[in-house]
Amino acid sequence: MPRESVAAYAREHGVSWHTANRRLLASEAPPPEFPDRKQFPEDSADIRTALLEWQRQVRKWDSQQDTATVNIDTALPIGICERGDWHLGSEHTDYKTFYAHQDLIVATPGLYTFENGDLHDGYIEGSKMTGVHEALVRPRTQRHLVWDALKQLRGKVLGLTKGQHDAWSVKSADFDPTEWAAHDYEIPYLGHGGLLTLNIGETTYTMHVRHRGRFNSSYNATHSIKQIWRFSEDSDIGVHADKHTPAMEFVEWKGAVRLAMRPGAYKPTDDFSQGYGFYPSRPIMPVIILWPDRRHFEAHWTLEGGAEALTRIRNALS
């Protein structure tokens, strides 16, 4: 390039002659060409259509639901034992009481259950090694124990949720053992929680269930349930588990009697609960008795008391 052209460029842009020369030489270099470079299609309609259709098809395989309907055609009252926190697999779990409860549920006509999460002890994360060390059996065997317990209750379970102990398998391996147990036994699976519509004979009840929820209070064990009623999901009966602290409260809510309750747990203690100063829990699994000919329900503090009351009521009405 002529020196005068470089000098003119340098004066125009306020740079040195050498800088101007480098810029002018660079501008004369031909740009590269890429004749076989792959490019996105100009029209994305096909991929959008395929994506929407694939999403629609995949969702057919998702068995989790937010609501579920249960129909029980009966002229006699039925009972629902609200259970949760089996923690099968832990060395601390009260297996003697658990299997005694299993047998009692099976032997009691008209008694059903809702199983509300943490059925597996499920410690599989490296950050929770104390729980791993306290395992009585490995995680795979824990899943077999849960599967076997649900098999014993076949025809008795109205729904399942998962707790955080079950969900650790989802977090670590994208495998939900509770979902697959529900799939195997054709039981509604409500994920972390949802709403059951119970059509018992001629009467309809609603029951909100979650393993754990927001708004928990150490001073009021049923506080979280009542706040869920207030903010998101109204129902006749609300049940949360997780805290291993049994509780039961009848309240007048929006002109009707409502029931808030929590079951206890089959694992009374472990190193985690001891470290936080929690008292050992008891396997208190309350029972709700619902009438089919009118909107009326009553609650019993224990499974044993509820099963006895249900049998007495059904015998008297038979």
C-alpha atoms as a PDB file:
ATOM      1  CA  MET A   1       0.000   0.000   0.000  1.00  0.00           C
ATOM      2  CA  PRO A   2       1.411   3.465  -0.846  1.00  0.00           C
ATOM      3  CA  ARG A   3       3.041   5.222   2.074  1.00  0.00           C
ATOM      4  CA  GLU A   4       0.917   8.329   1.520  1.00  0.00           C
ATOM      5  CA  SER A   5      -2.296   6.272   1.910  1.00  0.00           C
ATOM      6  CA  VAL A   6      -1.039   4.869   5.229  1.00  0.00           C
ATOM      7  CA  ALA A   7      -0.064   8.332   6.422  1.00  0.00           C
ATOM      8  CA  ALA A   8      -3.466   9.724   5.451  1.00  0.00           C
ATOM      9  CA  TYR A   9      -5.217   6.921   7.385  1.00  0.00           C
ATOM     10  CA  ALA A  10      -2.984   7.587  10.421  1.00  0.00           C
ATOM     11  CA  ARG A  11      -3.793  11.331  10.395  1.00  0.00           C
ATOM     12  CA  GLU A  12      -7.522  10.685   9.929  1.00  0.00           C
ATOM     13  CA  HIS A  13      -7.784   8.227  12.846  1.00  0.00           C
ATOM     14  CA  GLY A  14      -5.158   9.762  15.130  1.00  0.00           C
ATOM     15  CA  VAL A  15      -2.921   6.684  15.263  1.00  0.00           C
ATOM     16  CA  SER A  16       0.706   5.993  14.455  1.00  0.00           C
ATOM     17  CA  TRP A  17       1.845   5.064  10.957  1.00  0.00           C
ATOM     18  CA  HIS A  18       2.680   1.496  12.085  1.00  0.00           C
ATOM     19  CA  THR A  19      -0.788   1.024  13.669  1.00  0.00           C
ATOM     20  CA  ALA A  20      -2.431   2.412  10.547  1.00  0.00           C
ATOM     21  CA  ASN A  21      -0.352   0.069   8.385  1.00  0.00           C
ATOM     22  CA  ARG A  22      -1.345  -3.017  10.429  1.00  0.00           C
ATOM     23  CA  ARG A  23      -5.024  -2.083  10.232  1.00  0.00           C
ATOM     24  CA  LEU A  24      -4.914  -1.512   6.507  1.00  0.00           C
ATOM     25  CA  LEU A  25      -3.072  -4.761   5.870  1.00  0.00           C
ATOM     26  CA  ALA A  26      -5.601  -6.653   7.977  1.00  0.00           C
ATOM     27  CA  SER A  27      -8.492  -5.105   6.105  1.00  0.00           C
ATOM     28  CA  GLU A  28      -7.031  -6.424   2.867  1.00  0.00           C
ATOM     29  CA  ALA A  29      -7.040 -10.086   4.177  1.00  0.00           C
ATOM     30  CA  PRO A  30      -9.904 -12.086   2.605  1.00  0.00           C
ATOM     31  CA  PRO A  31     -12.486 -13.448   5.074  1.00  0.00           C
ATOM     32  CA  PRO A  32     -12.656 -17.259   5.413  1.00  0.00           C
ATOM     33  CA  GLU A  33     -15.486 -19.169   3.825  1.00  0.00           C
ATOM     34  CA  PHE A  34     -17.231 -22.243   5.346  1.00  0.00           C
ATOM     35  CA  PRO A  35     -19.183 -23.892   2.554  1.00  0.00           C
ATOM     36  CA  ASP A  36     -20.304 -26.926   4.642  1.00  0.00           C
ATOM     37  CA  ARG A  37     -21.072 -25.207   7.984  1.00  0.00           C
ATOM     38  CA  LYS A  38     -24.325 -26.544   9.437  1.00  0.00           C
ATOM     39  CA  GLN A  39     -26.994 -23.909   9.976  1.00  0.00           C
ATOM     40  CA  PHE A  40     -30.239 -23.804  11.859  1.00  0.00           C
ATOM     41  CA  PRO A  41     -33.294 -24.039   9.610  1.00  0.00           C
ATOM     42  CA  GLU A  42     -34.949 -20.767   8.832  1.00  0.00           C
ATOM     43  CA  ASP A  43     -38.370 -22.220   9.671  1.00  0.00           C
ATOM     44  CA  SER A  44     -38.662 -23.744  13.181  1.00  0.00           C
ATOM     45  CA  ALA A  45     -42.319 -24.828  12.860  1.00  0.00           C
ATOM     46  CA  ASP A  46     -41.416 -28.521  12.494  1.00  0.00           C
ATOM     47  CA  ILE A  47     -39.305 -28.677  15.658  1.00  0.00           C
ATOM     48  CA  ARG A  48     -41.945 -26.801  17.654  1.00  0.00           C
ATOM     49  CA  THR A  49     -44.645 -29.203  16.538  1.00  0.00           C
ATOM     50  CA  ALA A  50     -42.463 -32.214  17.326  1.00  0.00           C
ATOM     51  CA  LEU A  51     -41.564 -30.815  20.753  1.00  0.00           C
ATOM     52  CA  LEU A  52     -45.183 -30.229  21.720  1.00  0.00           C
ATOM     53  CA  GLU A  53     -46.212 -33.684  20.538  1.00  0.00           C
ATOM     54  CA  TRP A  54     -43.319 -35.366  22.360  1.00  0.00           C
ATOM     55  CA  GLN A  55     -44.215 -33.529  25.569  1.00  0.00           C
ATOM     56  CA  ARG A  56     -47.831 -34.663  25.209  1.00  0.00           C
ATOM     57  CA  GLN A  57     -46.782 -38.277  24.703  1.00  0.00           C
ATOM     58  CA  VAL A  58     -44.238 -38.311  27.558  1.00  0.00           C
ATOM     59  CA  ARG A  59     -46.771 -36.906  30.018  1.00  0.00           C
ATOM     60  CA  LYS A  60     -48.898 -40.004  29.453  1.00  0.00           C
ATOM     61  CA  TRP A  61     -46.174 -41.923  31.304  1.00  0.00           C
ATOM     62  CA  ASP A  62     -46.198 -39.618  34.337  1.00  0.00           C
ATOM     63  CA  SER A  63     -48.322 -41.336  36.992  1.00  0.00           C
ATOM     64  CA  GLN A  64     -48.162 -38.475  39.493  1.00  0.00           C
ATOM     65  CA  GLN A  65     -51.422 -36.570  39.922  1.00  0.00           C
ATOM     66  CA  ASP A  66     -52.494 -33.519  41.944  1.00  0.00           C
ATOM     67  CA  THR A  67     -56.024 -34.754  42.582  1.00  0.00           C
ATOM     68  CA  ALA A  68     -57.583 -38.197  42.819  1.00  0.00           C
ATOM     69  CA  THR A  69     -61.094 -39.563  43.278  1.00  0.00           C
ATOM     70  CA  VAL A  70     -61.913 -42.594  45.420  1.00  0.00           C
ATOM     71  CA  ASN A  71     -65.317 -44.294  45.128  1.00  0.00           C
ATOM     72  CA  ILE A  72     -66.377 -46.747  47.839  1.00  0.00           C
ATOM     73  CA  ASP A  73     -69.881 -48.081  47.337  1.00  0.00           C
ATOM     74  CA  THR A  74     -70.991 -48.928  50.863  1.00  0.00           C
ATOM     75  CA  ALA A  75     -73.977 -48.585  53.193  1.00  0.00           C
ATOM     76  CA  LEU A  76     -71.765 -48.873  56.291  1.00  0.00           C
ATOM     77  CA  PRO A  77     -69.224 -46.400  57.697  1.00  0.00           C
ATOM     78  CA  ILE A  78     -65.624 -46.909  56.645  1.00  0.00           C
ATOM     79  CA  GLY A  79     -62.376 -45.998  58.354  1.00  0.00           C
ATOM     80  CA  ILE A  80     -59.171 -44.488  56.993  1.00  0.00           C
ATOM     81  CA  CYS A  81     -55.986 -44.948  58.981  1.00  0.00           C
ATOM     82  CA  GLU A  82     -53.672 -42.024  58.354  1.00  0.00           C
ATOM     83  CA  ARG A  83     -50.150 -43.372  58.350  1.00  0.00           C
ATOM     84  CA  GLY A  84     -46.717 -42.253  57.259  1.00  0.00           C
ATOM     85  CA  ASP A  85     -43.058 -42.306  58.196  1.00  0.00           C
ATOM     86  CA  TRP A  86     -42.576 -46.055  58.088  1.00  0.00           C
ATOM     87  CA  HIS A  87     -38.814 -45.594  57.649  1.00  0.00           C
ATOM     88  CA  LEU A  88     -38.377 -49.226  56.705  1.00  0.00           C
ATOM     89  CA  GLY A  89     -34.683 -50.071  56.633  1.00  0.00           C
ATOM     90  CA  SER A  90     -33.520 -48.148  59.699  1.00  0.00           C
ATOM     91  CA  GLU A  91     -32.146 -50.041  62.669  1.00  0.00           C
ATOM     92  CA  HIS A  92     -34.296 -47.778  64.895  1.00  0.00           C
ATOM     93  CA  THR A  93     -37.671 -48.597  63.293  1.00  0.00           C
ATOM     94  CA  ASP A  94     -40.287 -50.326  65.472  1.00  0.00           C
ATOM     95  CA  TYR A  95     -40.880 -53.308  63.186  1.00  0.00           C
ATOM     96  CA  LYS A  96     -42.876 -55.222  65.784  1.00  0.00           C
ATOM     97  CA  THR A  97     -45.544 -52.509  65.962  1.00  0.00           C
ATOM     98  CA  PHE A  98     -45.431 -51.874  62.226  1.00  0.00           C
ATOM     99  CA  TYR A  99     -46.231 -55.470  61.303  1.00  0.00           C
ATOM    100  CA  ALA A 100     -48.829 -55.740  64.085  1.00  0.00           C
ATOM    101  CA  HIS A 101     -50.532 -52.694  62.544  1.00  0.00           C
ATOM    102  CA  GLN A 102     -50.330 -54.283  59.110  1.00  0.00           C
ATOM    103  CA  ASP A 103     -52.118 -57.386  60.376  1.00  0.00           C
ATOM    104  CA  LEU A 104     -54.771 -55.333  62.195  1.00  0.00           C
ATOM    105  CA  ILE A 105     -55.570 -53.277  59.077  1.00  0.00           C
ATOM    106  CA  VAL A 106     -55.931 -56.403  56.966  1.00  0.00           C
ATOM    107  CA  ALA A 107     -58.132 -58.075  59.588  1.00  0.00           C
ATOM    108  CA  THR A 108     -60.529 -55.115  60.041  1.00  0.00           C
ATOM    109  CA  PRO A 109     -63.401 -54.972  57.523  1.00  0.00           C
ATOM    110  CA  GLY A 110     -64.046 -51.500  56.139  1.00  0.00           C
ATOM    111  CA  LEU A 111     -60.673 -50.118  57.254  1.00  0.00           C
ATOM    112  CA  TYR A 112     -58.475 -48.463  54.608  1.00  0.00           C
ATOM    113  CA  THR A 113     -55.240 -46.492  54.790  1.00  0.00           C
ATOM    114  CA  PHE A 114     -53.524 -43.515  53.237  1.00  0.00           C
ATOM    115  CA  GLU A 115     -49.744 -43.899  53.342  1.00  0.00           C
ATOM    116  CA  ASN A 116     -48.189 -40.463  53.594  1.00  0.00           C
ATOM    117  CA  GLY A 117     -44.504 -40.568  52.713  1.00  0.00           C
ATOM    118  CA  ASP A 118     -41.088 -41.590  54.057  1.00  0.00           C
ATOM    119  CA  LEU A 119     -41.960 -45.231  53.652  1.00  0.00           C
ATOM    120  CA  HIS A 120     -38.262 -45.928  53.037  1.00  0.00           C
ATOM    121  CA  ASP A 121     -35.579 -44.722  55.437  1.00  0.00           C
ATOM    122  CA  GLY A 122     -33.707 -44.059  52.227  1.00  0.00           C
ATOM    123  CA  TYR A 123     -30.416 -42.560  53.385  1.00  0.00           C
ATOM    124  CA  ILE A 124     -28.264 -42.619  50.248  1.00  0.00           C
ATOM    125  CA  GLU A 125     -26.630 -39.156  50.182  1.00  0.00           C
ATOM    126  CA  GLY A 126     -23.024 -38.589  51.146  1.00  0.00           C
ATOM    127  CA  SER A 127     -23.988 -35.561  53.229  1.00  0.00           C
ATOM    128  CA  LYS A 128     -26.135 -37.772  55.473  1.00  0.00           C
ATOM    129  CA  MET A 129     -23.689 -40.473  56.443  1.00  0.00           C
ATOM    130  CA  THR A 130     -25.056 -40.926  59.971  1.00  0.00           C
ATOM    131  CA  GLY A 131     -28.313 -42.199  58.508  1.00  0.00           C
ATOM    132  CA  VAL A 132     -26.371 -44.419  56.111  1.00  0.00           C
ATOM    133  CA  HIS A 133     -24.506 -45.977  59.032  1.00  0.00           C
ATOM    134  CA  GLU A 134     -27.782 -46.564  60.896  1.00  0.00           C
ATOM    135  CA  ALA A 135     -29.318 -48.558  58.047  1.00  0.00           C
ATOM    136  CA  LEU A 136     -30.357 -52.091  58.939  1.00  0.00           C
ATOM    137  CA  VAL A 137     -30.579 -53.128  55.274  1.00  0.00           C
ATOM    138  CA  ARG A 138     -29.364 -51.639  51.999  1.00  0.00           C
ATOM    139  CA  PRO A 139     -31.595 -49.254  49.957  1.00  0.00           C
ATOM    140  CA  ARG A 140     -32.570 -51.932  47.422  1.00  0.00           C
ATOM    141  CA  THR A 141     -33.813 -54.189  50.222  1.00  0.00           C
ATOM    142  CA  GLN A 142     -35.684 -51.245  51.758  1.00  0.00           C
ATOM    143  CA  ARG A 143     -37.604 -50.905  48.495  1.00  0.00           C
ATOM    144  CA  HIS A 144     -38.467 -54.605  48.646  1.00  0.00           C
ATOM    145  CA  LEU A 145     -39.735 -54.203  52.222  1.00  0.00           C
ATOM    146  CA  VAL A 146     -42.003 -51.322  51.190  1.00  0.00           C
ATOM    147  CA  TRP A 147     -43.217 -53.205  48.124  1.00  0.00           C
ATOM    148  CA  ASP A 148     -43.993 -56.263  50.272  1.00  0.00           C
ATOM    149  CA  ALA A 149     -45.860 -54.194  52.889  1.00  0.00           C
ATOM    150  CA  LEU A 150     -48.036 -52.600  50.200  1.00  0.00           C
ATOM    151  CA  LYS A 151     -48.684 -56.044  48.756  1.00  0.00           C
ATOM    152  CA  GLN A 152     -50.055 -57.129  52.143  1.00  0.00           C
ATOM    153  CA  LEU A 153     -52.375 -54.077  52.089  1.00  0.00           C
ATOM    154  CA  ARG A 154     -53.545 -54.592  48.524  1.00  0.00           C
ATOM    155  CA  GLY A 155     -57.100 -53.260  48.150  1.00  0.00           C
ATOM    156  CA  LYS A 156     -56.754 -51.229  51.336  1.00  0.00           C
ATOM    157  CA  VAL A 157     -54.548 -48.289  50.299  1.00  0.00           C
ATOM    158  CA  LEU A 158     -56.368 -45.203  48.956  1.00  0.00           C
ATOM    159  CA  GLY A 159     -53.255 -43.290  47.919  1.00  0.00           C
ATOM    160  CA  LEU A 160     -49.540 -42.677  48.366  1.00  0.00           C
ATOM    161  CA  THR A 161     -47.299 -39.653  48.700  1.00  0.00           C
ATOM    162  CA  LYS A 162     -43.534 -39.449  48.875  1.00  0.00           C
ATOM    163  CA  GLY A 163     -41.492 -37.845  51.619  1.00  0.00           C
ATOM    164  CA  GLN A 164     -38.025 -36.394  51.462  1.00  0.00           C
ATOM    165  CA  HIS A 165     -36.476 -39.756  52.405  1.00  0.00           C
ATOM    166  CA  ASP A 166     -38.156 -41.333  49.375  1.00  0.00           C
ATOM    167  CA  ALA A 167     -37.284 -38.321  47.221  1.00  0.00           C
ATOM    168  CA  TRP A 168     -33.545 -38.664  47.847  1.00  0.00           C
ATOM    169  CA  SER A 169     -33.634 -41.478  45.283  1.00  0.00           C
ATOM    170  CA  VAL A 170     -35.207 -39.064  42.805  1.00  0.00           C
ATOM    171  CA  LYS A 171     -32.516 -36.486  43.510  1.00  0.00           C
ATOM    172  CA  SER A 172     -29.657 -38.946  43.203  1.00  0.00           C
ATOM    173  CA  ALA A 173     -30.831 -41.250  40.424  1.00  0.00           C
ATOM    174  CA  ASP A 174     -34.071 -39.863  38.931  1.00  0.00           C
ATOM    175  CA  PHE A 175     -35.820 -42.943  40.310  1.00  0.00           C
ATOM    176  CA  ASP A 176     -38.941 -42.593  42.446  1.00  0.00           C
ATOM    177  CA  PRO A 177     -39.500 -45.854  44.377  1.00  0.00           C
ATOM    178  CA  THR A 178     -42.883 -44.730  45.723  1.00  0.00           C
ATOM    179  CA  GLU A 179     -44.140 -43.919  42.235  1.00  0.00           C
ATOM    180  CA  TRP A 180     -43.227 -47.372  41.012  1.00  0.00           C
ATOM    181  CA  ALA A 181     -44.851 -49.070  44.001  1.00  0.00           C
ATOM    182  CA  ALA A 182     -48.022 -47.091  43.270  1.00  0.00           C
ATOM    183  CA  HIS A 183     -47.771 -48.106  39.620  1.00  0.00           C
ATOM    184  CA  ASP A 184     -47.350 -51.799  40.484  1.00  0.00           C
ATOM    185  CA  TYR A 185     -50.357 -51.857  42.811  1.00  0.00           C
ATOM    186  CA  GLU A 186     -52.528 -49.412  40.803  1.00  0.00           C
ATOM    187  CA  ILE A 187     -52.794 -46.915  43.677  1.00  0.00           C
ATOM    188  CA  PRO A 188     -53.219 -43.158  43.072  1.00  0.00           C
ATOM    189  CA  TYR A 189     -49.864 -41.427  43.479  1.00  0.00           C
ATOM    190  CA  LEU A 190     -50.028 -37.808  44.641  1.00  0.00           C
ATOM    191  CA  GLY A 191     -46.314 -37.023  44.599  1.00  0.00           C
ATOM    192  CA  HIS A 192     -45.528 -34.612  47.425  1.00  0.00           C
ATOM    193  CA  GLY A 193     -49.246 -34.167  48.105  1.00  0.00           C
ATOM    194  CA  GLY A 194     -52.643 -33.363  46.689  1.00  0.00           C
ATOM    195  CA  LEU A 195     -56.402 -33.539  47.154  1.00  0.00           C
ATOM    196  CA  LEU A 196     -58.514 -36.681  47.469  1.00  0.00           C
ATOM    197  CA  THR A 197     -62.235 -36.605  46.737  1.00  0.00           C
ATOM    198  CA  LEU A 198     -63.806 -39.455  48.718  1.00  0.00           C
ATOM    199  CA  ASN A 199     -67.213 -40.611  47.503  1.00  0.00           C
ATOM    200  CA  ILE A 200     -68.307 -42.815  50.404  1.00  0.00           C
ATOM    201  CA  GLY A 201     -71.747 -44.230  49.676  1.00  0.00           C
ATOM    202  CA  GLU A 202     -73.998 -41.224  49.117  1.00  0.00           C
ATOM    203  CA  THR A 203     -71.661 -38.682  50.759  1.00  0.00           C
ATOM    204  CA  THR A 204     -68.625 -36.846  49.431  1.00  0.00           C
ATOM    205  CA  TYR A 205     -65.674 -35.755  51.560  1.00  0.00           C
ATOM    206  CA  THR A 206     -62.443 -34.017  50.582  1.00  0.00           C
ATOM    207  CA  MET A 207     -59.077 -34.764  52.146  1.00  0.00           C
ATOM    208  CA  HIS A 208     -55.923 -32.753  51.604  1.00  0.00           C
ATOM    209  CA  VAL A 209     -52.744 -34.784  52.169  1.00  0.00           C
ATOM    210  CA  ARG A 210     -49.079 -33.859  52.121  1.00  0.00           C
ATOM    211  CA  HIS A 211     -46.036 -35.477  53.616  1.00  0.00           C
ATOM    212  CA  ARG A 212     -44.760 -32.067  54.609  1.00  0.00           C
ATOM    213  CA  GLY A 213     -45.833 -28.534  53.944  1.00  0.00           C
ATOM    214  CA  ARG A 214     -45.111 -24.890  54.640  1.00  0.00           C
ATOM    215  CA  PHE A 215     -46.026 -22.848  57.717  1.00  0.00           C
ATOM    216  CA  ASN A 216     -44.858 -25.377  60.313  1.00  0.00           C
ATOM    217  CA  SER A 217     -44.871 -24.377  63.970  1.00  0.00           C
ATOM    218  CA  SER A 218     -43.214 -26.038  66.953  1.00  0.00           C
ATOM    219  CA  TYR A 219     -45.975 -24.552  69.138  1.00  0.00           C
ATOM    220  CA  ASN A 220     -48.945 -25.761  67.075  1.00  0.00           C
ATOM    221  CA  ALA A 221     -48.545 -29.074  65.272  1.00  0.00           C
ATOM    222  CA  THR A 222     -51.619 -28.543  63.052  1.00  0.00           C
ATOM    223  CA  HIS A 223     -50.723 -24.968  62.075  1.00  0.00           C
ATOM    224  CA  SER A 224     -49.352 -25.901  58.647  1.00  0.00           C
ATOM    225  CA  ILE A 225     -52.564 -27.742  57.736  1.00  0.00           C
ATOM    226  CA  LYS A 226     -54.794 -24.806  58.644  1.00  0.00           C
ATOM    227  CA  GLN A 227     -52.633 -22.413  56.667  1.00  0.00           C
ATOM    228  CA  ILE A 228     -52.832 -24.667  53.607  1.00  0.00           C
ATOM    229  CA  TRP A 229     -56.635 -24.491  54.012  1.00  0.00           C
ATOM    230  CA  ARG A 230     -56.352 -20.720  54.116  1.00  0.00           C
ATOM    231  CA  PHE A 231     -53.944 -20.143  51.250  1.00  0.00           C
ATOM    232  CA  SER A 232     -54.238 -22.958  48.743  1.00  0.00           C
ATOM    233  CA  GLU A 233     -56.300 -26.116  49.239  1.00  0.00           C
ATOM    234  CA  ASP A 234     -59.527 -26.164  51.249  1.00  0.00           C
ATOM    235  CA  SER A 235     -60.841 -29.553  52.397  1.00  0.00           C
ATOM    236  CA  ASP A 236     -62.885 -31.316  55.061  1.00  0.00           C
ATOM    237  CA  ILE A 237     -59.828 -33.134  56.373  1.00  0.00           C
ATOM    238  CA  GLY A 238     -56.183 -32.132  56.233  1.00  0.00           C
ATOM    239  CA  VAL A 239     -53.318 -34.514  56.926  1.00  0.00           C
ATOM    240  CA  HIS A 240     -49.596 -33.796  57.088  1.00  0.00           C
ATOM    241  CA  ALA A 241     -46.897 -36.221  58.255  1.00  0.00           C
ATOM    242  CA  ASP A 242     -43.101 -35.690  58.433  1.00  0.00           C
ATOM    243  CA  LYS A 243     -42.683 -34.246  61.943  1.00  0.00           C
ATOM    244  CA  HIS A 244     -43.180 -37.571  63.773  1.00  0.00           C
ATOM    245  CA  THR A 245     -45.454 -35.687  66.169  1.00  0.00           C
ATOM    246  CA  PRO A 246     -49.038 -37.003  66.262  1.00  0.00           C
ATOM    247  CA  ALA A 247     -51.724 -34.353  66.507  1.00  0.00           C
ATOM    248  CA  MET A 248     -55.459 -34.028  66.012  1.00  0.00           C
ATOM    249  CA  GLU A 249     -57.676 -30.940  66.051  1.00  0.00           C
ATOM    250  CA  PHE A 250     -61.313 -30.384  65.146  1.00  0.00           C
ATOM    251  CA  VAL A 251     -61.995 -26.801  64.086  1.00  0.00           C
ATOM    252  CA  GLU A 252     -64.948 -24.806  62.837  1.00  0.00           C
ATOM    253  CA  TRP A 253     -63.834 -23.480  59.462  1.00  0.00           C
ATOM    254  CA  LYS A 254     -65.970 -21.528  56.985  1.00  0.00           C
ATOM    255  CA  GLY A 255     -69.168 -22.734  58.585  1.00  0.00           C
ATOM    256  CA  ALA A 256     -68.296 -26.435  58.773  1.00  0.00           C
ATOM    257  CA  VAL A 257     -66.415 -28.792  61.058  1.00  0.00           C
ATOM    258  CA  ARG A 258     -62.951 -29.603  59.747  1.00  0.00           C
ATOM    259  CA  LEU A 259     -60.302 -32.019  60.988  1.00  0.00           C
ATOM    260  CA  ALA A 260     -56.551 -31.422  60.977  1.00  0.00           C
ATOM    261  CA  MET A 261     -54.289 -34.287  61.914  1.00  0.00           C
ATOM    262  CA  ARG A 262     -50.767 -35.678  61.847  1.00  0.00           C
ATOM    263  CA  PRO A 263     -49.729 -39.306  62.315  1.00  0.00           C
ATOM    264  CA  GLY A 264     -46.711 -40.261  64.378  1.00  0.00           C
ATOM    265  CA  ALA A 265     -43.868 -42.436  63.095  1.00  0.00           C
ATOM    266  CA  TYR A 266     -42.629 -45.990  63.297  1.00  0.00           C
ATOM    267  CA  LYS A 267     -39.077 -44.713  63.802  1.00  0.00           C
ATOM    268  CA  PRO A 268     -39.028 -43.194  67.300  1.00  0.00           C
ATOM    269  CA  THR A 269     -35.554 -41.706  67.139  1.00  0.00           C
ATOM    270  CA  ASP A 270     -32.235 -41.587  65.343  1.00  0.00           C
ATOM    271  CA  ASP A 271     -28.993 -39.675  65.660  1.00  0.00           C
ATOM    272  CA  PHE A 272     -30.397 -36.726  63.677  1.00  0.00           C
ATOM    273  CA  SER A 273     -33.408 -36.244  65.976  1.00  0.00           C
ATOM    274  CA  GLN A 274     -31.280 -36.751  69.080  1.00  0.00           C
ATOM    275  CA  GLY A 275     -28.861 -34.098  67.865  1.00  0.00           C
ATOM    276  CA  TYR A 276     -31.688 -31.552  67.629  1.00  0.00           C
ATOM    277  CA  GLY A 277     -33.144 -32.469  70.996  1.00  0.00           C
ATOM    278  CA  PHE A 278     -36.397 -34.061  69.789  1.00  0.00           C
ATOM    279  CA  TYR A 279     -38.195 -36.412  72.126  1.00  0.00           C
ATOM    280  CA  PRO A 280     -38.740 -39.956  70.839  1.00  0.00           C
ATOM    281  CA  SER A 281     -41.930 -40.245  68.800  1.00  0.00           C
ATOM    282  CA  ARG A 282     -44.557 -42.967  69.068  1.00  0.00           C
ATOM    283  CA  PRO A 283     -46.300 -44.974  66.323  1.00  0.00           C
ATOM    284  CA  ILE A 284     -49.636 -43.172  66.773  1.00  0.00           C
ATOM    285  CA  MET A 285     -51.604 -43.751  63.571  1.00  0.00           C
ATOM    286  CA  PRO A 286     -55.048 -42.105  63.889  1.00  0.00           C
ATOM    287  CA  VAL A 287     -58.219 -43.335  62.229  1.00  0.00           C
ATOM    288  CA  ILE A 288     -61.034 -41.298  60.669  1.00  0.00           C
ATOM    289  CA  ILE A 289     -64.471 -42.943  60.484  1.00  0.00           C
ATOM    290  CA  LEU A 290     -66.747 -41.549  57.752  1.00  0.00           C
ATOM    291  CA  TRP A 291     -70.480 -42.146  57.385  1.00  0.00           C
ATOM    292  CA  PRO A 292     -71.913 -42.885  53.925  1.00  0.00           C
ATOM    293  CA  ASP A 293     -75.489 -41.625  54.421  1.00  0.00           C
ATOM    294  CA  ARG A 294     -74.721 -38.149  55.820  1.00  0.00           C
ATOM    295  CA  ARG A 295     -71.772 -35.799  56.236  1.00  0.00           C
ATOM    296  CA  HIS A 296     -70.426 -36.994  59.561  1.00  0.00           C
ATOM    297  CA  PHE A 297     -66.991 -38.154  60.611  1.00  0.00           C
ATOM    298  CA  GLU A 298     -65.177 -38.868  63.841  1.00  0.00           C
ATOM    299  CA  ALA A 299     -61.524 -39.435  64.627  1.00  0.00           C
ATOM    300  CA  HIS A 300     -59.733 -41.847  66.920  1.00  0.00           C
ATOM    301  CA  TRP A 301     -56.277 -41.235  68.288  1.00  0.00           C
ATOM    302  CA  THR A 302     -54.859 -44.700  67.677  1.00  0.00           C
ATOM    303  CA  LEU A 303     -55.165 -47.381  65.041  1.00  0.00           C
ATOM    304  CA  GLU A 304     -56.118 -49.889  67.706  1.00  0.00           C
ATOM    305  CA  GLY A 305     -58.906 -47.684  69.079  1.00  0.00           C
ATOM    306  CA  GLY A 306     -60.115 -46.711  65.627  1.00  0.00           C
ATOM    307  CA  ALA A 307     -60.279 -50.309  64.402  1.00  0.00           C
ATOM    308  CA  GLU A 308     -62.231 -51.325  67.499  1.00  0.00           C
ATOM    309  CA  ALA A 309     -64.673 -48.410  67.150  1.00  0.00           C
ATOM    310  CA  LEU A 310     -65.185 -49.049  63.438  1.00  0.00           C
ATOM    311  CA  THR A 311     -65.951 -52.719  64.036  1.00  0.00           C
ATOM    312  CA  ARG A 312     -68.412 -51.858  66.813  1.00  0.00           C
ATOM    313  CA  ILE A 313     -70.216 -49.244  64.676  1.00  0.00           C
ATOM    314  CA  ARG A 314     -70.448 -51.476  61.609  1.00  0.00           C
ATOM    315  CA  ASN A 315     -71.728 -54.421  63.678  1.00  0.00           C
ATOM    316  CA  ALA A 316     -74.386 -52.215  65.278  1.00  0.00           C
ATOM    317  CA  LEU A 317     -75.598 -51.008  61.874  1.00  0.00           C
ATOM    318  CA  SER A 318     -75.495 -54.372  60.118  1.00  0.00           C
END
